[in-house]
């Protein structure tokens, strides 16, 4: 079965750019087979919406320069009171992390509904990101994100959109306020998990932010 999956992936990678309608239909069917296989193998049902995972998986395959077989999905269609940050190991087909994540203070209160790529907007950006290096800054240990989706998140480095830990990303904050604390646009994580997750996904892994 694994050999068949690898052959399908190779076939997808080497398909000519100008293909016939029949070949393109075959490609779509094969892509669905691979996505469904990983989705089932990683036990993602009831964890991540299938269509969200499919879009993220396609974005992962299209991303150039990735160095790790890791896919992080942030599903901003869910309210901040739900765990909506997922890290998936696509080599082992395993869900490594599922946790809370903040959205920008100007994107909404309980749920993010307004997104931006503008500097100083204090809003969340959507699209595909590639993780870069880490540093210690005002928010502690942080991970730089390079936005790859033109017009949607390609100002991420200019905006200092990074992954970091924050006290306001916690169940206790939710219990007190009815929603998760918000950032200036960064996907902030629970302090107890931030360093572990950052060290796992740093240095060339793909993040797909959806809403």
N, C-alpha and C. Protein backbone atom coordinates (compact mmCIF):
# COMPACT_ATOMS: atom_id res chain seq x y z
N UNK A 1 0.83 -1.21 0.00
CA UNK A 1 0.00 0.00 0.00
C UNK A 1 0.86 1.26 0.00
N UNK A 2 1.94 1.24 0.83
CA UNK A 2 2.82 2.40 0.90
C UNK A 2 3.49 2.66 -0.44
N UNK A 3 3.90 1.56 -1.12
CA UNK A 3 4.54 1.72 -2.43
C UNK A 3 3.58 2.35 -3.42
N UNK A 4 2.32 1.95 -3.35
CA UNK A 4 1.31 2.51 -4.26
C UNK A 4 1.13 4.00 -4.01
N UNK A 5 1.11 4.38 -2.74
CA UNK A 5 0.96 5.79 -2.39
C UNK A 5 2.15 6.60 -2.91
N UNK A 6 3.37 6.06 -2.72
CA UNK A 6 4.57 6.76 -3.19
C UNK A 6 4.54 6.92 -4.71
N UNK A 7 4.08 5.90 -5.42
CA UNK A 7 4.01 5.97 -6.87
C UNK A 7 3.02 7.04 -7.32
N UNK A 8 1.90 7.13 -6.60
CA UNK A 8 0.90 8.14 -6.92
C UNK A 8 1.48 9.54 -6.73
N UNK A 9 2.18 9.72 -5.61
CA UNK A 9 2.78 11.03 -5.31
C UNK A 9 3.81 11.40 -6.37
N UNK A 10 4.65 10.45 -6.77
CA UNK A 10 5.65 10.69 -7.80
C UNK A 10 4.99 11.06 -9.13
N UNK A 11 3.92 10.37 -9.44
CA UNK A 11 3.20 10.65 -10.68
C UNK A 11 2.65 12.06 -10.67
N UNK A 12 2.12 12.47 -9.49
CA UNK A 12 1.58 13.83 -9.35
C UNK A 12 2.67 14.87 -9.54
N UNK A 13 3.85 14.59 -9.01
CA UNK A 13 4.95 15.55 -9.05
C UNK A 13 5.49 15.75 -10.47
N UNK A 14 5.45 14.69 -11.27
CA UNK A 14 6.06 14.75 -12.59
C UNK A 14 5.06 14.89 -13.73
N UNK A 15 3.81 15.18 -13.41
CA UNK A 15 2.82 15.42 -14.46
C UNK A 15 3.22 16.65 -15.27
N UNK A 16 3.10 16.62 -16.59
CA UNK A 16 3.41 17.79 -17.42
C UNK A 16 2.50 18.96 -17.07
N UNK A 17 2.99 20.14 -17.27
CA UNK A 17 2.21 21.32 -16.94
C UNK A 17 0.98 21.43 -17.83
N UNK A 18 1.13 21.15 -19.13
CA UNK A 18 0.01 21.20 -20.04
C UNK A 18 -0.51 19.78 -20.23
N UNK A 19 -1.51 19.43 -19.45
CA UNK A 19 -2.05 18.08 -19.50
C UNK A 19 -3.46 18.11 -20.07
N UNK A 20 -3.89 16.97 -20.55
CA UNK A 20 -5.25 16.88 -21.10
C UNK A 20 -6.25 16.86 -19.96
N UNK A 21 -7.54 17.06 -20.30
CA UNK A 21 -8.59 17.05 -19.29
C UNK A 21 -8.65 15.70 -18.61
N UNK A 22 -8.42 14.64 -19.38
CA UNK A 22 -8.46 13.29 -18.81
C UNK A 22 -7.36 13.11 -17.77
N UNK A 23 -6.17 13.57 -18.09
CA UNK A 23 -5.04 13.45 -17.16
C UNK A 23 -5.29 14.27 -15.91
N UNK A 24 -5.84 15.48 -16.09
CA UNK A 24 -6.12 16.34 -14.94
C UNK A 24 -7.17 15.71 -14.02
N UNK A 25 -8.18 15.08 -14.60
CA UNK A 25 -9.18 14.40 -13.79
C UNK A 25 -8.56 13.25 -13.02
N UNK A 26 -7.63 12.53 -13.68
CA UNK A 26 -6.92 11.43 -13.02
C UNK A 26 -6.08 11.95 -11.87
N UNK A 27 -5.44 13.10 -12.11
CA UNK A 27 -4.60 13.71 -11.07
C UNK A 27 -5.43 14.06 -9.84
N UNK A 28 -6.63 14.62 -10.07
CA UNK A 28 -7.50 15.00 -8.96
C UNK A 28 -7.92 13.77 -8.17
N UNK A 29 -8.25 12.69 -8.87
CA UNK A 29 -8.66 11.46 -8.20
C UNK A 29 -7.52 10.89 -7.37
N UNK A 30 -6.31 10.92 -7.94
CA UNK A 30 -5.15 10.40 -7.22
C UNK A 30 -4.83 11.26 -6.00
N UNK A 31 -5.01 12.58 -6.15
CA UNK A 31 -4.77 13.49 -5.03
C UNK A 31 -5.74 13.19 -3.90
N UNK A 32 -7.00 12.93 -4.27
CA UNK A 32 -8.01 12.60 -3.26
C UNK A 32 -7.66 11.31 -2.53
N UNK A 33 -7.11 10.34 -3.26
CA UNK A 33 -6.71 9.07 -2.65
C UNK A 33 -5.63 9.29 -1.60
N UNK A 34 -4.63 10.10 -1.95
CA UNK A 34 -3.52 10.37 -1.03
C UNK A 34 -4.01 11.13 0.19
N UNK A 35 -4.80 12.19 -0.04
CA UNK A 35 -5.32 12.99 1.07
C UNK A 35 -6.16 12.14 2.01
N UNK A 36 -7.04 11.33 1.45
CA UNK A 36 -7.90 10.48 2.27
C UNK A 36 -7.09 9.46 3.06
N UNK A 37 -6.04 8.92 2.43
CA UNK A 37 -5.19 7.93 3.10
C UNK A 37 -4.51 8.55 4.33
N UNK A 38 -3.91 9.73 4.14
CA UNK A 38 -3.23 10.40 5.26
C UNK A 38 -4.22 10.80 6.34
N UNK A 39 -5.38 11.30 5.92
CA UNK A 39 -6.42 11.74 6.85
C UNK A 39 -6.87 10.59 7.75
N UNK A 40 -7.06 9.43 7.14
CA UNK A 40 -7.50 8.26 7.90
C UNK A 40 -6.36 7.69 8.76
N UNK A 41 -5.18 7.61 8.18
CA UNK A 41 -4.03 7.02 8.87
C UNK A 41 -3.64 7.84 10.10
N UNK A 42 -3.77 9.16 10.00
CA UNK A 42 -3.39 10.04 11.11
C UNK A 42 -4.53 10.24 12.11
N UNK A 43 -5.66 9.57 11.86
CA UNK A 43 -6.82 9.64 12.75
C UNK A 43 -7.28 11.09 12.95
N UNK A 44 -7.46 11.77 11.83
CA UNK A 44 -7.83 13.18 11.89
C UNK A 44 -9.34 13.41 11.87
N UNK A 45 -10.11 12.37 11.64
CA UNK A 45 -11.56 12.51 11.65
C UNK A 45 -12.01 12.95 13.04
N UNK A 46 -12.94 13.87 13.09
CA UNK A 46 -13.42 14.47 14.33
C UNK A 46 -12.36 15.36 15.00
N UNK A 47 -11.26 15.58 14.30
CA UNK A 47 -10.22 16.50 14.78
C UNK A 47 -10.15 17.73 13.87
N UNK A 48 -10.01 17.46 12.56
CA UNK A 48 -9.88 18.51 11.56
C UNK A 48 -10.90 18.24 10.45
N UNK A 49 -11.58 19.27 10.01
CA UNK A 49 -12.49 19.14 8.89
C UNK A 49 -11.73 18.62 7.67
N UNK A 50 -12.31 17.65 6.97
CA UNK A 50 -11.62 17.01 5.84
C UNK A 50 -11.25 18.00 4.75
N UNK A 51 -12.19 18.89 4.39
CA UNK A 51 -11.92 19.85 3.32
C UNK A 51 -10.82 20.85 3.70
N UNK A 52 -10.77 21.20 4.98
CA UNK A 52 -9.69 22.07 5.45
C UNK A 52 -8.35 21.35 5.34
N UNK A 53 -8.33 20.08 5.76
CA UNK A 53 -7.10 19.30 5.66
C UNK A 53 -6.67 19.15 4.20
N UNK A 54 -7.62 18.91 3.32
CA UNK A 54 -7.30 18.74 1.91
C UNK A 54 -6.64 19.99 1.33
N UNK A 55 -7.21 21.16 1.64
CA UNK A 55 -6.62 22.42 1.16
C UNK A 55 -5.22 22.61 1.72
N UNK A 56 -5.05 22.29 2.99
CA UNK A 56 -3.74 22.43 3.63
C UNK A 56 -2.72 21.47 3.03
N UNK A 57 -3.15 20.25 2.75
CA UNK A 57 -2.26 19.23 2.19
C UNK A 57 -1.81 19.64 0.78
N UNK A 58 -2.74 20.18 0.00
CA UNK A 58 -2.40 20.65 -1.35
C UNK A 58 -1.42 21.82 -1.27
N UNK A 59 -1.66 22.73 -0.32
CA UNK A 59 -0.75 23.87 -0.13
C UNK A 59 0.63 23.38 0.27
N UNK A 60 0.68 22.37 1.13
CA UNK A 60 1.95 21.79 1.55
C UNK A 60 2.73 21.26 0.34
N UNK A 61 2.06 20.51 -0.52
CA UNK A 61 2.72 19.92 -1.68
C UNK A 61 3.22 20.97 -2.66
N UNK A 62 2.53 22.12 -2.71
CA UNK A 62 2.91 23.18 -3.64
C UNK A 62 4.03 24.06 -3.11
N UNK A 63 4.29 23.97 -1.82
CA UNK A 63 5.27 24.87 -1.20
C UNK A 63 6.70 24.46 -1.52
N UNK A 64 7.44 25.39 -2.08
CA UNK A 64 8.85 25.15 -2.40
C UNK A 64 9.72 25.57 -1.22
N UNK A 65 10.81 24.89 -1.03
CA UNK A 65 11.76 25.26 0.01
C UNK A 65 11.49 24.65 1.36
N UNK A 66 10.47 23.81 1.47
CA UNK A 66 10.21 23.16 2.76
C UNK A 66 11.29 22.13 3.04
N UNK A 67 11.61 21.99 4.33
CA UNK A 67 12.69 21.09 4.74
C UNK A 67 12.22 20.00 5.69
N UNK A 68 10.96 20.08 6.11
CA UNK A 68 10.43 19.10 7.06
C UNK A 68 9.09 18.56 6.56
N UNK A 69 8.83 17.30 6.87
CA UNK A 69 7.56 16.68 6.47
C UNK A 69 6.50 16.93 7.55
N UNK A 70 6.38 18.19 7.94
CA UNK A 70 5.43 18.60 8.97
C UNK A 70 4.46 19.61 8.38
N UNK A 71 3.20 19.48 8.73
CA UNK A 71 2.17 20.41 8.29
C UNK A 71 1.41 20.92 9.50
N UNK A 72 1.44 22.24 9.68
CA UNK A 72 0.67 22.87 10.75
C UNK A 72 -0.56 23.52 10.14
N UNK A 73 -1.71 23.25 10.72
CA UNK A 73 -2.96 23.84 10.26
C UNK A 73 -3.55 24.69 11.38
N UNK A 74 -3.92 25.92 11.04
CA UNK A 74 -4.63 26.79 11.98
C UNK A 74 -6.01 27.04 11.39
N UNK A 75 -7.03 26.55 12.05
CA UNK A 75 -8.39 26.66 11.53
C UNK A 75 -9.14 27.78 12.24
N UNK A 76 -9.03 28.98 11.67
CA UNK A 76 -9.66 30.16 12.26
C UNK A 76 -11.17 30.21 12.02
N UNK A 77 -11.72 29.20 11.35
CA UNK A 77 -13.18 29.15 11.22
C UNK A 77 -13.81 28.72 12.55
N UNK A 78 -12.97 28.20 13.45
CA UNK A 78 -13.44 27.80 14.78
C UNK A 78 -13.25 28.95 15.76
N UNK A 79 -14.08 29.04 16.79
CA UNK A 79 -13.90 30.09 17.81
C UNK A 79 -12.63 29.83 18.62
N UNK A 80 -12.14 30.87 19.27
CA UNK A 80 -10.87 30.75 20.00
C UNK A 80 -10.99 29.85 21.23
N UNK A 81 -12.21 29.54 21.64
CA UNK A 81 -12.41 28.66 22.80
C UNK A 81 -12.20 27.18 22.44
N UNK A 82 -12.00 26.90 21.17
CA UNK A 82 -11.73 25.54 20.72
C UNK A 82 -10.27 25.39 20.31
N UNK A 83 -9.74 24.21 20.48
CA UNK A 83 -8.37 23.94 20.06
C UNK A 83 -8.35 23.87 18.54
N UNK A 84 -7.62 24.78 17.91
CA UNK A 84 -7.68 24.91 16.45
C UNK A 84 -6.29 25.02 15.80
N UNK A 85 -5.28 24.63 16.54
CA UNK A 85 -3.89 24.63 16.05
C UNK A 85 -3.40 23.18 16.04
N UNK A 86 -3.07 22.68 14.86
CA UNK A 86 -2.71 21.27 14.71
C UNK A 86 -1.34 21.13 14.04
N UNK A 87 -0.51 20.24 14.57
CA UNK A 87 0.77 19.92 13.93
C UNK A 87 0.74 18.44 13.55
N UNK A 88 0.92 18.18 12.25
CA UNK A 88 0.82 16.81 11.74
C UNK A 88 2.14 16.39 11.13
N UNK A 89 2.61 15.22 11.52
CA UNK A 89 3.81 14.61 10.94
C UNK A 89 3.35 13.79 9.74
N UNK A 90 3.66 14.26 8.52
CA UNK A 90 3.20 13.60 7.31
C UNK A 90 4.07 12.40 6.94
N UNK A 91 5.20 12.27 7.59
CA UNK A 91 6.05 11.10 7.35
C UNK A 91 5.54 9.90 8.14
N UNK A 92 5.13 10.16 9.37
CA UNK A 92 4.61 9.10 10.22
C UNK A 92 3.08 9.06 10.23
N UNK A 93 2.45 10.03 9.54
CA UNK A 93 0.99 10.15 9.52
C UNK A 93 0.44 10.17 10.95
N UNK A 94 0.89 11.19 11.68
CA UNK A 94 0.57 11.27 13.11
C UNK A 94 0.29 12.71 13.51
N UNK A 95 -0.77 12.90 14.30
CA UNK A 95 -1.08 14.21 14.87
C UNK A 95 -0.22 14.41 16.11
N UNK A 96 0.70 15.38 16.04
CA UNK A 96 1.65 15.61 17.13
C UNK A 96 1.10 16.55 18.20
N UNK A 97 0.42 17.61 17.76
CA UNK A 97 -0.11 18.59 18.71
C UNK A 97 -1.48 19.08 18.26
N UNK A 98 -2.33 19.35 19.23
CA UNK A 98 -3.62 20.00 19.02
C UNK A 98 -3.83 20.92 20.22
N UNK A 99 -3.89 22.22 19.98
CA UNK A 99 -3.95 23.14 21.10
C UNK A 99 -4.64 24.45 20.72
N UNK A 100 -4.71 25.35 21.68
CA UNK A 100 -5.32 26.66 21.46
C UNK A 100 -4.35 27.59 20.72
N UNK A 101 -4.91 28.57 20.03
CA UNK A 101 -4.09 29.59 19.37
C UNK A 101 -4.90 30.88 19.30
N UNK A 102 -4.22 31.99 19.49
CA UNK A 102 -4.89 33.30 19.47
C UNK A 102 -5.05 33.81 18.05
N UNK A 103 -5.94 34.81 17.91
CA UNK A 103 -5.99 35.57 16.65
C UNK A 103 -5.82 37.05 17.00
N UNK A 104 -5.70 37.88 15.97
CA UNK A 104 -5.44 39.30 16.17
C UNK A 104 -6.59 40.04 16.83
N UNK A 105 -6.26 41.04 17.64
CA UNK A 105 -7.27 41.76 18.41
C UNK A 105 -8.27 42.51 17.52
N UNK A 106 -7.85 42.87 16.31
CA UNK A 106 -8.76 43.56 15.40
C UNK A 106 -9.42 42.62 14.39
N UNK A 107 -9.23 41.34 14.60
CA UNK A 107 -9.87 40.35 13.71
C UNK A 107 -11.21 39.88 14.25
N UNK A 108 -11.47 40.14 15.52
CA UNK A 108 -12.72 39.69 16.12
C UNK A 108 -12.51 39.36 17.58
N UNK A 109 -13.59 39.07 18.29
CA UNK A 109 -13.50 38.76 19.71
C UNK A 109 -13.43 37.25 19.93
N UNK A 110 -14.56 36.59 19.89
CA UNK A 110 -14.58 35.14 20.08
C UNK A 110 -14.10 34.41 18.83
N UNK A 111 -14.44 34.95 17.68
CA UNK A 111 -14.12 34.31 16.41
C UNK A 111 -13.47 35.33 15.46
N UNK A 112 -12.48 34.90 14.72
CA UNK A 112 -11.82 35.78 13.75
C UNK A 112 -12.67 35.88 12.49
N UNK A 113 -12.98 37.10 12.08
CA UNK A 113 -13.80 37.30 10.88
C UNK A 113 -13.24 38.36 9.95
N UNK A 114 -12.24 39.08 10.41
CA UNK A 114 -11.64 40.16 9.61
C UNK A 114 -10.14 39.93 9.55
N UNK A 115 -9.60 39.84 8.34
CA UNK A 115 -8.18 39.48 8.17
C UNK A 115 -7.45 40.54 7.36
N UNK A 116 -6.15 40.63 7.56
CA UNK A 116 -5.40 41.67 6.87
C UNK A 116 -3.93 41.28 6.70
N UNK A 117 -3.32 41.91 5.71
CA UNK A 117 -1.90 41.73 5.43
C UNK A 117 -1.14 43.04 5.69
N UNK A 118 -1.85 44.04 6.21
CA UNK A 118 -1.27 45.36 6.39
C UNK A 118 -0.48 45.49 7.69
N UNK A 119 0.61 46.24 7.62
CA UNK A 119 1.42 46.53 8.80
C UNK A 119 0.59 47.36 9.78
N UNK A 120 0.71 47.03 11.06
CA UNK A 120 0.01 47.72 12.16
C UNK A 120 -1.51 47.54 12.14
N UNK A 121 -2.01 46.57 11.39
CA UNK A 121 -3.45 46.33 11.37
C UNK A 121 -3.90 45.58 12.62
N UNK A 122 -2.97 44.86 13.26
CA UNK A 122 -3.27 44.03 14.43
C UNK A 122 -4.34 42.98 14.10
N UNK A 123 -4.30 42.53 12.84
CA UNK A 123 -5.23 41.49 12.39
C UNK A 123 -4.46 40.24 11.98
N UNK A 124 -5.17 39.14 11.98
CA UNK A 124 -4.61 37.85 11.57
C UNK A 124 -4.51 37.79 10.04
N UNK A 125 -3.52 37.06 9.56
CA UNK A 125 -3.36 36.82 8.13
C UNK A 125 -3.62 35.34 7.83
N UNK A 126 -4.18 35.10 6.65
CA UNK A 126 -4.44 33.73 6.21
C UNK A 126 -3.46 33.33 5.12
N UNK A 127 -3.45 32.05 4.76
CA UNK A 127 -2.61 31.57 3.67
C UNK A 127 -1.52 30.62 4.13
N UNK A 128 -0.54 30.45 3.27
CA UNK A 128 0.57 29.52 3.52
C UNK A 128 1.80 30.25 4.03
N UNK A 129 2.39 29.71 5.07
CA UNK A 129 3.62 30.27 5.65
C UNK A 129 4.70 29.19 5.65
N UNK A 130 5.94 29.64 5.65
CA UNK A 130 7.07 28.75 5.85
C UNK A 130 7.81 29.22 7.09
N UNK A 131 8.06 28.30 8.01
CA UNK A 131 8.73 28.68 9.25
C UNK A 131 10.20 28.97 9.00
N UNK A 132 10.73 29.94 9.75
CA UNK A 132 12.14 30.30 9.61
C UNK A 132 12.88 30.05 10.92
N UNK A 133 13.68 31.02 11.34
CA UNK A 133 14.52 30.85 12.53
C UNK A 133 13.82 31.37 13.79
N UNK A 134 14.43 31.09 14.93
CA UNK A 134 13.89 31.53 16.22
C UNK A 134 14.73 32.67 16.79
N UNK A 135 14.16 33.37 17.76
CA UNK A 135 14.88 34.42 18.45
C UNK A 135 14.19 34.68 19.78
N UNK A 136 14.84 35.40 20.67
CA UNK A 136 14.25 35.80 21.94
C UNK A 136 13.96 37.29 21.88
N UNK A 137 12.68 37.64 22.00
CA UNK A 137 12.28 39.03 21.90
C UNK A 137 11.36 39.44 23.01
N UNK A 138 10.53 40.45 22.73
CA UNK A 138 9.62 40.97 23.73
C UNK A 138 8.59 39.96 24.20
N UNK A 139 8.28 38.99 23.34
CA UNK A 139 7.34 37.95 23.71
C UNK A 139 8.04 36.63 24.05
N UNK A 140 9.33 36.74 24.36
CA UNK A 140 10.09 35.54 24.70
C UNK A 140 10.53 34.76 23.47
N UNK A 141 10.64 33.47 23.62
CA UNK A 141 11.10 32.60 22.53
C UNK A 141 10.08 32.63 21.40
N UNK A 142 10.52 33.04 20.20
CA UNK A 142 9.58 33.26 19.10
C UNK A 142 10.10 32.66 17.80
N UNK A 143 9.18 32.38 16.90
CA UNK A 143 9.50 31.77 15.62
C UNK A 143 9.03 32.67 14.47
N UNK A 144 9.97 33.05 13.61
CA UNK A 144 9.64 33.90 12.47
C UNK A 144 8.86 33.11 11.42
N UNK A 145 7.90 33.79 10.77
CA UNK A 145 7.09 33.18 9.73
C UNK A 145 7.22 33.98 8.44
N UNK A 146 7.47 33.28 7.35
CA UNK A 146 7.57 33.90 6.03
C UNK A 146 6.26 33.63 5.28
N UNK A 147 5.49 34.67 5.02
CA UNK A 147 4.22 34.50 4.32
C UNK A 147 4.43 34.30 2.83
N UNK A 148 3.85 33.25 2.28
CA UNK A 148 4.07 32.90 0.88
C UNK A 148 2.88 33.21 -0.02
N UNK A 149 1.75 33.60 0.55
CA UNK A 149 0.55 33.86 -0.24
C UNK A 149 0.47 35.34 -0.56
N UNK A 150 0.71 35.65 -1.82
CA UNK A 150 0.79 37.05 -2.24
C UNK A 150 -0.51 37.80 -1.96
N UNK A 151 -0.36 38.95 -1.33
CA UNK A 151 -1.51 39.80 -1.05
C UNK A 151 -2.26 39.43 0.21
N UNK A 152 -2.01 38.25 0.76
CA UNK A 152 -2.72 37.80 1.95
C UNK A 152 -1.83 37.74 3.18
N UNK A 153 -0.58 37.32 3.02
CA UNK A 153 0.29 37.22 4.20
C UNK A 153 1.76 37.49 3.90
N UNK A 154 2.06 38.01 2.70
CA UNK A 154 3.46 38.19 2.32
C UNK A 154 4.14 39.38 3.02
N UNK A 155 3.42 40.03 3.91
CA UNK A 155 4.03 41.07 4.75
C UNK A 155 4.30 40.56 6.16
N UNK A 156 4.22 39.24 6.33
CA UNK A 156 4.38 38.65 7.67
C UNK A 156 5.69 39.04 8.34
N UNK A 157 6.77 39.01 7.60
CA UNK A 157 8.07 39.37 8.19
C UNK A 157 8.12 40.85 8.55
N UNK A 158 7.56 41.70 7.69
CA UNK A 158 7.52 43.14 7.97
C UNK A 158 6.64 43.43 9.19
N UNK A 159 5.59 42.64 9.34
CA UNK A 159 4.64 42.84 10.44
C UNK A 159 5.11 42.17 11.74
N UNK A 160 6.21 41.45 11.67
CA UNK A 160 6.71 40.69 12.83
C UNK A 160 5.66 39.70 13.32
N UNK A 161 5.01 39.03 12.35
CA UNK A 161 4.07 37.97 12.69
C UNK A 161 4.87 36.72 13.03
N UNK A 162 4.84 36.33 14.29
CA UNK A 162 5.64 35.21 14.78
C UNK A 162 4.79 34.31 15.68
N UNK A 163 5.29 33.12 15.89
CA UNK A 163 4.66 32.23 16.87
C UNK A 163 5.40 32.40 18.19
N UNK A 164 4.65 32.61 19.27
CA UNK A 164 5.25 32.77 20.59
C UNK A 164 4.25 32.31 21.65
N UNK A 165 4.69 32.16 22.85
CA UNK A 165 3.81 31.79 23.94
C UNK A 165 3.20 33.02 24.58
N UNK A 166 2.03 32.86 25.20
CA UNK A 166 1.37 33.99 25.86
C UNK A 166 0.49 33.51 27.01
N UNK A 167 0.49 34.27 28.10
CA UNK A 167 -0.32 33.92 29.27
C UNK A 167 -1.81 33.96 28.96
N UNK A 168 -2.21 34.80 28.01
CA UNK A 168 -3.62 34.95 27.69
C UNK A 168 -4.17 33.81 26.81
N UNK A 169 -3.29 32.88 26.45
CA UNK A 169 -3.74 31.70 25.69
C UNK A 169 -3.81 30.53 26.67
N UNK A 170 -4.93 30.43 27.35
CA UNK A 170 -5.07 29.40 28.38
C UNK A 170 -6.54 29.14 28.68
N UNK A 171 -6.82 27.98 29.24
CA UNK A 171 -8.20 27.65 29.61
C UNK A 171 -8.70 28.54 30.75
N UNK A 172 -7.80 28.95 31.63
CA UNK A 172 -8.20 29.83 32.73
C UNK A 172 -8.66 31.19 32.20
N UNK A 173 -8.02 31.69 31.15
CA UNK A 173 -8.43 32.96 30.55
C UNK A 173 -9.82 32.80 29.92
N UNK A 174 -10.04 31.66 29.27
CA UNK A 174 -11.34 31.39 28.65
C UNK A 174 -12.44 31.35 29.71
N UNK A 175 -12.16 30.69 30.84
CA UNK A 175 -13.15 30.57 31.91
C UNK A 175 -13.52 31.93 32.49
N UNK A 176 -12.53 32.82 32.57
CA UNK A 176 -12.77 34.15 33.14
C UNK A 176 -13.50 35.08 32.16
N UNK A 177 -13.21 34.93 30.86
CA UNK A 177 -13.68 35.92 29.89
C UNK A 177 -14.66 35.40 28.84
N UNK A 178 -14.68 34.10 28.65
CA UNK A 178 -15.57 33.54 27.63
C UNK A 178 -14.96 33.50 26.24
N UNK A 179 -13.71 33.90 26.13
CA UNK A 179 -12.97 33.85 24.87
C UNK A 179 -11.49 33.85 25.19
N UNK A 180 -10.68 33.54 24.20
CA UNK A 180 -9.23 33.51 24.39
C UNK A 180 -8.66 34.91 24.24
N UNK A 181 -7.54 35.18 24.90
CA UNK A 181 -6.87 36.47 24.73
C UNK A 181 -6.41 36.63 23.29
N UNK A 182 -6.23 37.89 22.88
CA UNK A 182 -5.87 38.17 21.49
C UNK A 182 -4.51 38.85 21.38
N UNK A 183 -3.90 38.68 20.23
CA UNK A 183 -2.56 39.21 19.99
C UNK A 183 -2.63 40.42 19.05
N UNK A 184 -1.48 40.85 18.57
CA UNK A 184 -1.43 41.92 17.57
C UNK A 184 -1.39 41.33 16.16
N UNK A 185 -1.81 40.08 16.04
CA UNK A 185 -1.82 39.41 14.73
C UNK A 185 -1.05 38.11 14.74
N UNK A 186 -0.29 37.89 15.79
CA UNK A 186 0.52 36.66 15.88
C UNK A 186 -0.32 35.47 16.34
N UNK A 187 -0.01 34.28 15.84
CA UNK A 187 -0.65 33.06 16.36
C UNK A 187 0.05 32.64 17.64
N UNK A 188 -0.39 33.19 18.76
CA UNK A 188 0.23 32.90 20.06
C UNK A 188 -0.31 31.59 20.62
N UNK A 189 0.56 30.87 21.32
CA UNK A 189 0.24 29.54 21.85
C UNK A 189 0.30 29.53 23.38
N UNK A 190 -0.24 28.48 24.00
CA UNK A 190 -0.09 28.34 25.46
C UNK A 190 1.38 28.30 25.85
N UNK A 191 1.73 28.98 26.92
CA UNK A 191 3.13 29.06 27.33
C UNK A 191 3.77 27.69 27.57
N UNK A 192 3.01 26.78 28.13
CA UNK A 192 3.56 25.46 28.47
C UNK A 192 3.95 24.64 27.24
N UNK A 193 3.34 24.96 26.09
CA UNK A 193 3.59 24.18 24.88
C UNK A 193 4.41 24.93 23.83
N UNK A 194 4.49 26.23 23.96
CA UNK A 194 5.07 27.07 22.90
C UNK A 194 6.48 26.63 22.49
N UNK A 195 7.39 26.47 23.43
CA UNK A 195 8.77 26.13 23.07
C UNK A 195 8.86 24.76 22.40
N UNK A 196 8.12 23.79 22.91
CA UNK A 196 8.15 22.44 22.32
C UNK A 196 7.64 22.48 20.88
N UNK A 197 6.56 23.19 20.67
CA UNK A 197 6.01 23.27 19.32
C UNK A 197 6.93 24.04 18.39
N UNK A 198 7.44 25.17 18.85
CA UNK A 198 8.35 25.97 18.04
C UNK A 198 9.57 25.17 17.63
N UNK A 199 10.16 24.44 18.57
CA UNK A 199 11.35 23.65 18.25
C UNK A 199 11.03 22.50 17.30
N UNK A 200 9.79 22.06 17.31
CA UNK A 200 9.38 20.98 16.40
C UNK A 200 9.22 21.49 14.97
N UNK A 201 8.59 22.65 14.80
CA UNK A 201 8.23 23.10 13.46
C UNK A 201 9.19 24.15 12.86
N UNK A 202 10.16 24.62 13.63
CA UNK A 202 11.07 25.65 13.12
C UNK A 202 11.92 25.12 11.95
N UNK A 203 12.45 26.05 11.17
CA UNK A 203 13.42 25.68 10.15
C UNK A 203 12.87 25.01 8.91
N UNK A 204 11.79 25.55 8.34
CA UNK A 204 11.34 25.08 7.04
C UNK A 204 10.17 24.14 7.00
N UNK A 205 9.21 24.30 7.91
CA UNK A 205 7.98 23.52 7.82
C UNK A 205 6.84 24.43 7.37
N UNK A 206 5.76 23.82 6.90
CA UNK A 206 4.65 24.57 6.30
C UNK A 206 3.54 24.80 7.33
N UNK A 207 3.01 26.02 7.33
CA UNK A 207 1.83 26.36 8.13
C UNK A 207 0.75 26.84 7.17
N UNK A 208 -0.46 26.34 7.34
CA UNK A 208 -1.59 26.76 6.52
C UNK A 208 -2.67 27.31 7.44
N UNK A 209 -2.97 28.60 7.27
CA UNK A 209 -3.98 29.27 8.08
C UNK A 209 -5.25 29.44 7.26
N UNK A 210 -6.36 28.94 7.80
CA UNK A 210 -7.63 28.88 7.07
C UNK A 210 -8.75 29.56 7.87
N UNK A 211 -9.74 30.07 7.15
CA UNK A 211 -10.93 30.59 7.82
C UNK A 211 -12.15 30.40 6.92
